[in-house]
């Protein structure tokens, strides 16, 4: 049921791929479920889709896929430059992309025309899709909320930065994951920058003593180079001689699986390190573990750390983004180490595994810290944002008219 006095909202999540398996999709699906439970209208606008892949989203949520039948939009190319270089195939591909863009924009406009004059909040989960809704940016009943799920520095070093500069300065609100990231964008002229944390889908305290008894280190994520699971595997291998009863479980799948399996074999760790594959029960996997390690090279505000804390797991993380220190407080609920520092990561793993008193203290603090990411609290912040953008006032005026 909706909160008392809150009119029904129309909310559209726009994603690159609604059935992708990244953190952005997980966060959006958590929010979508919460909004639906409160009686709001939720739909998904997906630019592409992965064939035959399941989705985090409820099957009850209507999904409109912009590009079907396997077509995938490519990055824009400069026609004049490629003509001068006689790259005619590239020019033809770009002309095709532009024709497709015009055609699909009309379909997207028709999608939003179905709402009539009712107010619609569009949550642009990823900036890539903004080119398809650009013609809608100035419709008074459509309020676009842009999101970035990575740090400012990671954005600036990527091809996404130009699109962020082009589109997100003009949206009603641009949401970042940390205060530092918001401050960076504000310095670039983004007067609409604000902060919104990711919500945790669950929050259940487990007795620290029980967690410690599992003697299991856990990590989760796509098996890709950026997650640096090779660093974690090497660090655990170094520490394992002094931790004979401990093991490492890594949940996830991806292109680096074979190389990681080879590394585990070379290090002689087959009986101590397990690649567990994907799991639908992440809460169960965390609850059966002792503490969490994130070894990534770059992140935003990692859901994996938030979920681990929500079960009371202490966390060790690389200092790979400003968002890390908004979750992990060094020597309070875990440890923060430099990126790619195998020796120090190994020492911190040993320290936390061997010092039970510190472990128990960190576990208590970790669960306390997770309150900031409680989904009810984050949802209330979203509702405050909708009201700030004029949702309730405009809707009441519409009904009165």
Protein backbone atom coordinates (compact mmCIF):
# COMPACT_ATOMS: atom_id res chain seq x y z
CA UNK A 1 0.00 0.00 0.00
CA UNK A 2 1.09 3.58 -0.65
CA UNK A 3 2.03 5.82 2.23
CA UNK A 4 -0.93 7.83 3.50
CA UNK A 5 -1.41 10.99 1.44
CA UNK A 6 1.00 9.94 -1.31
CA UNK A 7 -0.57 9.88 -4.79
CA UNK A 8 0.27 7.07 -7.16
CA UNK A 9 3.48 7.70 -9.11
CA UNK A 10 4.40 6.65 -12.63
CA UNK A 11 8.00 5.43 -12.52
CA UNK A 12 10.03 4.22 -15.51
CA UNK A 13 13.47 2.64 -15.12
CA UNK A 14 15.62 3.10 -18.21
CA UNK A 15 18.54 0.65 -18.52
CA UNK A 16 21.01 -0.50 -21.15
CA UNK A 17 19.84 -4.10 -20.65
CA UNK A 18 17.09 -4.93 -18.20
CA UNK A 19 18.33 -8.52 -17.96
CA UNK A 20 21.99 -7.73 -17.42
CA UNK A 21 23.59 -9.07 -14.25
CA UNK A 22 25.37 -5.98 -12.97
CA UNK A 23 24.95 -4.04 -9.76
CA UNK A 24 22.92 -1.34 -11.53
CA UNK A 25 20.24 -3.87 -12.49
CA UNK A 26 20.17 -5.32 -8.98
CA UNK A 27 19.71 -1.91 -7.37
CA UNK A 28 16.99 -0.95 -9.84
CA UNK A 29 15.13 -4.22 -9.26
CA UNK A 30 15.19 -3.71 -5.47
CA UNK A 31 13.72 -0.22 -5.84
CA UNK A 32 11.17 -1.40 -8.41
CA UNK A 33 9.86 -4.07 -6.04
CA UNK A 34 9.58 -1.53 -3.23
CA UNK A 35 7.72 1.00 -5.39
CA UNK A 36 5.29 -1.67 -6.62
CA UNK A 37 4.58 -2.84 -3.08
CA UNK A 38 3.63 0.75 -2.25
CA UNK A 39 1.11 0.79 -5.10
CA UNK A 40 2.99 2.81 -7.70
CA UNK A 41 3.05 2.12 -11.45
CA UNK A 42 6.45 0.81 -12.57
CA UNK A 43 7.69 0.03 -16.09
CA UNK A 44 11.06 -0.68 -17.70
CA UNK A 45 12.48 0.90 -20.84
CA UNK A 46 15.42 -1.25 -21.95
CA UNK A 47 17.68 -0.13 -24.80
CA UNK A 48 18.87 -3.68 -25.54
CA UNK A 49 18.36 -7.13 -24.10
CA UNK A 50 20.51 -10.21 -23.65
CA UNK A 51 19.05 -13.24 -25.44
CA UNK A 52 17.69 -15.99 -23.20
CA UNK A 53 18.97 -14.40 -19.99
CA UNK A 54 16.88 -14.15 -16.80
CA UNK A 55 16.27 -10.81 -15.13
CA UNK A 56 16.43 -9.56 -11.54
CA UNK A 57 13.12 -7.76 -12.16
CA UNK A 58 9.74 -9.22 -11.31
CA UNK A 59 8.00 -10.79 -14.30
CA UNK A 60 4.94 -8.66 -13.48
CA UNK A 61 6.74 -5.45 -14.51
CA UNK A 62 6.06 -4.45 -18.14
CA UNK A 63 9.24 -4.19 -20.23
CA UNK A 64 9.63 -2.27 -23.50
CA UNK A 65 12.82 -3.20 -25.38
CA UNK A 66 13.93 -0.53 -27.85
CA UNK A 67 16.19 -2.76 -29.97
CA UNK A 68 14.96 -6.28 -30.57
CA UNK A 69 15.94 -9.11 -32.92
CA UNK A 70 19.59 -8.90 -31.94
CA UNK A 71 20.34 -5.36 -33.19
CA UNK A 72 22.70 -3.46 -30.90
CA UNK A 73 23.37 0.24 -31.24
CA UNK A 74 27.02 1.14 -31.78
CA UNK A 75 29.04 4.11 -30.58
CA UNK A 76 28.67 7.25 -32.77
CA UNK A 77 31.33 7.83 -35.43
CA UNK A 78 32.36 11.07 -37.15
CA UNK A 79 31.23 10.90 -40.79
CA UNK A 80 33.53 13.60 -42.20
CA UNK A 81 36.68 12.11 -40.66
CA UNK A 82 35.91 8.62 -41.93
CA UNK A 83 34.99 9.89 -45.40
CA UNK A 84 38.37 11.60 -45.70
CA UNK A 85 40.01 8.33 -44.65
CA UNK A 86 37.87 6.44 -47.22
CA UNK A 87 36.36 4.24 -44.51
CA UNK A 88 33.10 3.73 -46.38
CA UNK A 89 31.95 0.74 -44.31
CA UNK A 90 32.27 2.82 -41.16
CA UNK A 91 30.34 5.69 -42.77
CA UNK A 92 27.55 3.34 -43.89
CA UNK A 93 27.34 1.82 -40.41
CA UNK A 94 27.08 5.29 -38.87
CA UNK A 95 24.33 6.32 -41.30
CA UNK A 96 22.44 3.14 -40.40
CA UNK A 97 22.87 3.94 -36.70
CA UNK A 98 21.46 7.43 -37.20
CA UNK A 99 18.45 6.15 -39.14
CA UNK A 100 17.79 3.60 -36.41
CA UNK A 101 18.11 6.31 -33.75
CA UNK A 102 15.47 8.50 -35.41
CA UNK A 103 13.12 5.53 -35.82
CA UNK A 104 13.55 4.27 -32.27
CA UNK A 105 13.16 7.74 -30.78
CA UNK A 106 9.69 7.91 -32.31
CA UNK A 107 8.83 4.56 -30.72
CA UNK A 108 10.09 5.78 -27.35
CA UNK A 109 8.02 8.95 -27.69
CA UNK A 110 4.96 6.78 -28.38
CA UNK A 111 5.77 4.76 -25.25
CA UNK A 112 5.60 7.92 -23.13
CA UNK A 113 2.61 9.33 -25.04
CA UNK A 114 0.60 6.51 -23.46
CA UNK A 115 0.90 8.33 -20.10
CA UNK A 116 -0.90 11.37 -21.52
CA UNK A 117 -0.35 14.41 -19.30
CA UNK A 118 0.32 12.37 -16.17
CA UNK A 119 3.62 12.98 -14.46
CA UNK A 120 6.30 10.38 -15.13
CA UNK A 121 9.55 9.97 -13.23
CA UNK A 122 12.20 8.45 -15.50
CA UNK A 123 15.16 6.97 -13.64
CA UNK A 124 18.00 6.84 -16.17
CA UNK A 125 20.02 4.09 -14.52
CA UNK A 126 22.76 4.42 -17.16
CA UNK A 127 23.59 7.41 -19.36
CA UNK A 128 23.79 5.41 -22.60
CA UNK A 129 20.02 5.45 -23.04
CA UNK A 130 19.71 9.23 -22.83
CA UNK A 131 20.15 9.63 -26.60
CA UNK A 132 16.84 7.83 -27.15
CA UNK A 133 14.86 10.00 -24.72
CA UNK A 134 16.57 13.29 -25.57
CA UNK A 135 13.45 14.64 -27.38
CA UNK A 136 11.47 14.11 -24.16
CA UNK A 137 13.74 16.14 -21.90
CA UNK A 138 11.64 19.29 -22.18
CA UNK A 139 8.21 17.78 -21.72
CA UNK A 140 6.89 19.35 -18.50
CA UNK A 141 5.28 16.13 -17.26
CA UNK A 142 8.46 14.04 -17.61
CA UNK A 143 11.05 14.36 -14.83
CA UNK A 144 14.32 12.62 -15.69
CA UNK A 145 16.63 11.53 -12.87
CA UNK A 146 20.09 10.57 -14.09
CA UNK A 147 22.29 8.10 -12.23
CA UNK A 148 25.96 7.17 -12.29
CA UNK A 149 26.98 3.92 -10.59
CA UNK A 150 30.70 4.59 -10.74
CA UNK A 151 33.07 7.13 -9.26
CA UNK A 152 33.78 10.50 -10.87
CA UNK A 153 37.32 9.42 -11.77
CA UNK A 154 36.11 6.17 -13.35
CA UNK A 155 33.55 8.14 -15.37
CA UNK A 156 36.09 10.71 -16.50
CA UNK A 157 38.41 7.99 -17.80
CA UNK A 158 35.62 6.34 -19.82
CA UNK A 159 33.70 7.00 -23.03
CA UNK A 160 30.64 7.70 -20.84
CA UNK A 161 31.97 11.04 -19.61
CA UNK A 162 31.11 12.97 -22.80
CA UNK A 163 27.54 11.71 -22.64
CA UNK A 164 27.29 12.62 -18.96
CA UNK A 165 28.42 16.17 -19.81
CA UNK A 166 25.99 16.35 -22.72
CA UNK A 167 22.87 14.97 -21.06
CA UNK A 168 23.04 14.93 -17.28
CA UNK A 169 23.52 18.67 -16.82
CA UNK A 170 20.00 19.07 -18.22
CA UNK A 171 18.10 16.46 -16.21
CA UNK A 172 15.98 17.28 -13.18
CA UNK A 173 18.45 15.62 -10.80
CA UNK A 174 21.78 13.84 -11.24
CA UNK A 175 22.41 11.25 -8.54
CA UNK A 176 25.90 10.16 -7.50
CA UNK A 177 26.95 7.51 -5.01
CA UNK A 178 29.18 9.62 -2.75
CA UNK A 179 29.58 13.19 -1.55
CA UNK A 180 33.05 13.40 -3.11
CA UNK A 181 31.71 12.37 -6.51
CA UNK A 182 28.88 14.90 -6.27
CA UNK A 183 31.37 17.63 -5.33
CA UNK A 184 33.53 16.79 -8.36
CA UNK A 185 30.57 17.12 -10.71
CA UNK A 186 29.36 20.30 -9.00
CA UNK A 187 32.77 21.81 -9.78
CA UNK A 188 32.08 20.95 -13.44
CA UNK A 189 28.86 22.97 -13.44
CA UNK A 190 26.35 20.31 -12.37
CA UNK A 191 24.05 22.33 -10.12
CA UNK A 192 21.65 19.36 -10.07
CA UNK A 193 24.13 16.90 -8.50
CA UNK A 194 23.03 15.05 -5.37
CA UNK A 195 23.78 11.81 -3.50
CA UNK A 196 21.67 8.67 -3.24
CA UNK A 197 23.00 5.48 -1.67
CA UNK A 198 22.23 2.01 -2.98
CA UNK A 199 19.73 0.06 -0.84
CA UNK A 200 20.45 -3.35 0.60
CA UNK A 201 17.81 -5.97 -0.30
CA UNK A 202 18.08 -7.59 3.13
CA UNK A 203 19.35 -6.80 6.59
CA UNK A 204 19.64 -9.52 9.23
CA UNK A 205 22.16 -9.58 12.04
CA UNK A 206 23.96 -12.87 12.59
CA UNK A 207 25.81 -13.54 15.82
CA UNK A 208 29.47 -12.59 15.27
CA UNK A 209 30.62 -15.75 17.03
CA UNK A 210 28.60 -17.84 14.58
CA UNK A 211 30.09 -16.00 11.60
CA UNK A 212 33.61 -16.51 12.89
CA UNK A 213 33.02 -20.23 13.36
CA UNK A 214 32.48 -20.71 9.61
CA UNK A 215 36.15 -19.86 8.95
CA UNK A 216 35.26 -18.91 5.39
CA UNK A 217 36.33 -15.83 3.45
CA UNK A 218 33.88 -14.83 0.74
CA UNK A 219 33.85 -12.59 -2.32
CA UNK A 220 31.28 -12.04 -5.06
CA UNK A 221 31.20 -10.46 -8.50
CA UNK A 222 31.70 -10.97 -12.22
CA UNK A 223 34.85 -12.92 -13.00
CA UNK A 224 36.43 -10.11 -15.00
CA UNK A 225 39.83 -8.42 -14.92
CA UNK A 226 38.53 -5.33 -13.11
CA UNK A 227 37.49 -7.36 -10.06
CA UNK A 228 41.10 -8.55 -9.63
CA UNK A 229 40.19 -11.93 -8.16
CA UNK A 230 43.70 -13.06 -9.09
CA UNK A 231 45.01 -10.62 -6.47
CA UNK A 232 42.65 -12.07 -3.85
CA UNK A 233 43.59 -15.64 -4.73
CA UNK A 234 47.31 -14.89 -4.45
CA UNK A 235 46.82 -13.00 -1.18
CA UNK A 236 44.86 -15.88 0.35
CA UNK A 237 47.43 -18.40 -0.89
CA UNK A 238 50.17 -16.44 0.91
CA UNK A 239 48.10 -16.27 4.10
CA UNK A 240 46.84 -19.86 3.98
CA UNK A 241 49.94 -21.41 5.55
CA UNK A 242 49.09 -19.66 8.82
CA UNK A 243 45.33 -20.22 8.42
CA UNK A 244 45.06 -24.01 8.03
CA UNK A 245 41.34 -24.17 8.86
CA UNK A 246 40.22 -21.32 6.60
CA UNK A 247 38.93 -21.42 3.02
CA UNK A 248 38.01 -18.93 0.29
CA UNK A 249 34.74 -19.00 -1.68
CA UNK A 250 34.24 -16.80 -4.75
CA UNK A 251 30.71 -16.48 -6.18
CA UNK A 252 30.18 -15.33 -9.75
CA UNK A 253 30.85 -16.21 -13.36
CA UNK A 254 32.59 -14.57 -16.28
CA UNK A 255 35.34 -14.70 -18.91
CA UNK A 256 38.20 -14.96 -16.38
CA UNK A 257 36.94 -18.24 -14.91
CA UNK A 258 39.41 -20.53 -16.70
CA UNK A 259 42.44 -18.36 -15.96
CA UNK A 260 41.45 -18.16 -12.28
CA UNK A 261 41.01 -21.94 -12.14
CA UNK A 262 44.48 -22.31 -13.64
CA UNK A 263 45.95 -19.92 -11.07
CA UNK A 264 44.31 -21.85 -8.22
CA UNK A 265 45.80 -25.08 -9.59
CA UNK A 266 49.28 -23.58 -10.01
CA UNK A 267 49.20 -22.37 -6.40
CA UNK A 268 48.05 -25.79 -5.20
CA UNK A 269 44.92 -24.31 -3.63
CA UNK A 270 42.24 -26.58 -5.15
CA UNK A 271 41.17 -27.83 -1.71
CA UNK A 272 41.15 -24.35 -0.14
CA UNK A 273 39.76 -22.02 -2.83
CA UNK A 274 36.44 -22.66 -4.60
CA UNK A 275 34.87 -20.85 -7.55
CA UNK A 276 31.24 -21.41 -6.62
CA UNK A 277 29.58 -19.96 -9.73
CA UNK A 278 26.54 -17.70 -9.66
CA UNK A 279 24.10 -17.95 -6.80
CA UNK A 280 20.51 -16.78 -6.46
CA UNK A 281 20.84 -16.89 -2.67
CA UNK A 282 23.51 -14.29 -1.96
CA UNK A 283 22.19 -13.78 1.58
CA UNK A 284 22.60 -17.49 2.27
CA UNK A 285 26.14 -17.47 0.87
CA UNK A 286 27.11 -14.50 3.04
CA UNK A 287 25.45 -15.93 6.14
CA UNK A 288 27.56 -19.10 5.77
CA UNK A 289 30.79 -17.06 5.64
CA UNK A 290 32.96 -15.13 8.09
CA UNK A 291 34.21 -12.01 6.37
CA UNK A 292 34.16 -10.42 2.92
CA UNK A 293 37.05 -9.29 0.70
CA UNK A 294 36.73 -6.96 -2.29
CA UNK A 295 39.87 -6.79 -4.44
CA UNK A 296 38.61 -4.60 -7.32
CA UNK A 297 40.61 -2.07 -9.32
CA UNK A 298 37.63 0.32 -9.62
CA UNK A 299 34.10 0.50 -8.18
CA UNK A 300 31.34 2.95 -7.37
CA UNK A 301 29.46 2.11 -4.17
CA UNK A 302 29.73 -1.69 -4.25
CA UNK A 303 26.53 -3.59 -3.52
CA UNK A 304 28.65 -6.56 -2.52
CA UNK A 305 30.12 -4.68 0.46
CA UNK A 306 26.73 -3.28 1.48
CA UNK A 307 25.16 -6.74 1.40
CA UNK A 308 28.04 -8.24 3.37
CA UNK A 309 27.69 -5.60 6.08
CA UNK A 310 23.94 -6.22 6.15
CA UNK A 311 24.71 -9.72 7.44
CA UNK A 312 27.28 -8.42 9.91
CA UNK A 313 30.37 -9.50 7.97
CA UNK A 314 33.53 -7.44 8.51
CA UNK A 315 34.96 -6.30 5.17
CA UNK A 316 38.42 -5.89 3.68
CA UNK A 317 38.45 -3.76 0.54
CA UNK A 318 40.88 -2.15 -1.84
CA UNK A 319 40.81 1.65 -1.82
CA UNK A 320 39.50 1.70 -5.39
CA UNK A 321 36.88 4.49 -5.18
CA UNK A 322 35.62 7.20 -2.80
CA UNK A 323 32.58 5.03 -2.11
CA UNK A 324 34.70 2.40 -0.38
CA UNK A 325 35.41 4.59 2.65
CA UNK A 326 31.72 5.49 2.91
CA UNK A 327 31.12 1.79 3.60
CA UNK A 328 34.31 0.46 5.20
CA UNK A 329 35.76 2.41 8.11
CA UNK A 330 39.41 1.38 8.39
CA UNK A 331 40.15 -0.39 11.70
CA UNK A 332 36.51 0.05 12.78
CA UNK A 333 34.45 -2.41 10.73
CA UNK A 334 37.18 -3.70 8.43
CA UNK A 335 40.38 -2.81 6.62
CA UNK A 336 41.13 -0.75 3.50
CA UNK A 337 44.20 -1.64 1.43
CA UNK A 338 45.80 -0.17 -1.72
CA UNK A 339 44.80 -1.59 -5.10
CA UNK A 340 46.94 -4.54 -6.29
CA UNK A 341 48.89 -4.79 -3.02
CA UNK A 342 49.05 -8.57 -2.56
CA UNK A 343 51.38 -8.58 0.50
CA UNK A 344 49.31 -6.07 2.51
CA UNK A 345 46.01 -7.70 1.54
CA UNK A 346 47.45 -11.03 2.68
CA UNK A 347 48.52 -9.55 6.03
CA UNK A 348 45.09 -8.02 6.64
CA UNK A 349 43.39 -11.33 5.83
CA UNK A 350 45.64 -13.07 8.38
CA UNK A 351 45.07 -10.34 10.96
CA UNK A 352 41.28 -10.53 10.77
CA UNK A 353 41.20 -14.34 10.68
CA UNK A 354 43.60 -14.78 13.60
CA UNK A 355 42.35 -12.02 15.93
CA UNK A 356 38.93 -13.20 17.08
CA UNK A 357 38.41 -10.27 19.45
CA UNK A 358 38.93 -7.77 16.62
CA UNK A 359 36.72 -9.84 14.34
CA UNK A 360 33.81 -9.79 16.82
CA UNK A 361 34.13 -6.02 17.29
CA UNK A 362 34.29 -5.38 13.54
CA UNK A 363 31.25 -7.60 12.99
CA UNK A 364 29.12 -5.60 15.43
CA UNK A 365 30.22 -2.31 13.88
CA UNK A 366 29.67 -3.64 10.37
CA UNK A 367 26.01 -4.43 10.97
CA UNK A 368 25.48 -1.07 12.68
CA UNK A 369 26.99 0.69 9.65
CA UNK A 370 24.58 -1.04 7.26
CA UNK A 371 21.61 0.89 8.69
CA UNK A 372 22.43 3.75 6.28
CA UNK A 373 21.60 1.44 3.39
CA UNK A 374 18.34 0.02 4.75
CA UNK A 375 15.90 -0.17 1.84
CA UNK A 376 13.06 1.47 3.77
CA UNK A 377 15.28 4.45 4.55
CA UNK A 378 16.57 4.73 0.97
CA UNK A 379 13.03 4.40 -0.38
CA UNK A 380 11.90 7.30 1.80
CA UNK A 381 14.70 9.40 0.30
CA UNK A 382 13.43 8.57 -3.19
CA UNK A 383 9.93 9.67 -2.21
CA UNK A 384 11.35 12.92 -0.83
CA UNK A 385 13.08 13.43 -4.17
CA UNK A 386 9.86 12.84 -6.11
CA UNK A 387 8.13 15.46 -3.98
CA UNK A 388 11.05 17.87 -4.39
CA UNK A 389 10.71 17.59 -8.15
CA UNK A 390 7.08 18.60 -7.90
CA UNK A 391 5.40 15.22 -8.17
CA UNK A 392 2.71 15.56 -5.54
CA UNK A 393 1.98 19.22 -6.18
CA UNK A 394 1.73 18.84 -9.94
CA UNK A 395 -0.39 15.71 -9.71
CA UNK A 396 -2.84 17.38 -7.32
CA UNK A 397 -3.11 20.38 -9.65
CA UNK A 398 -3.75 18.05 -12.59
CA UNK A 399 -6.60 16.29 -10.77
CA UNK A 400 -8.10 19.59 -9.59
CA UNK A 401 -8.06 20.89 -13.15
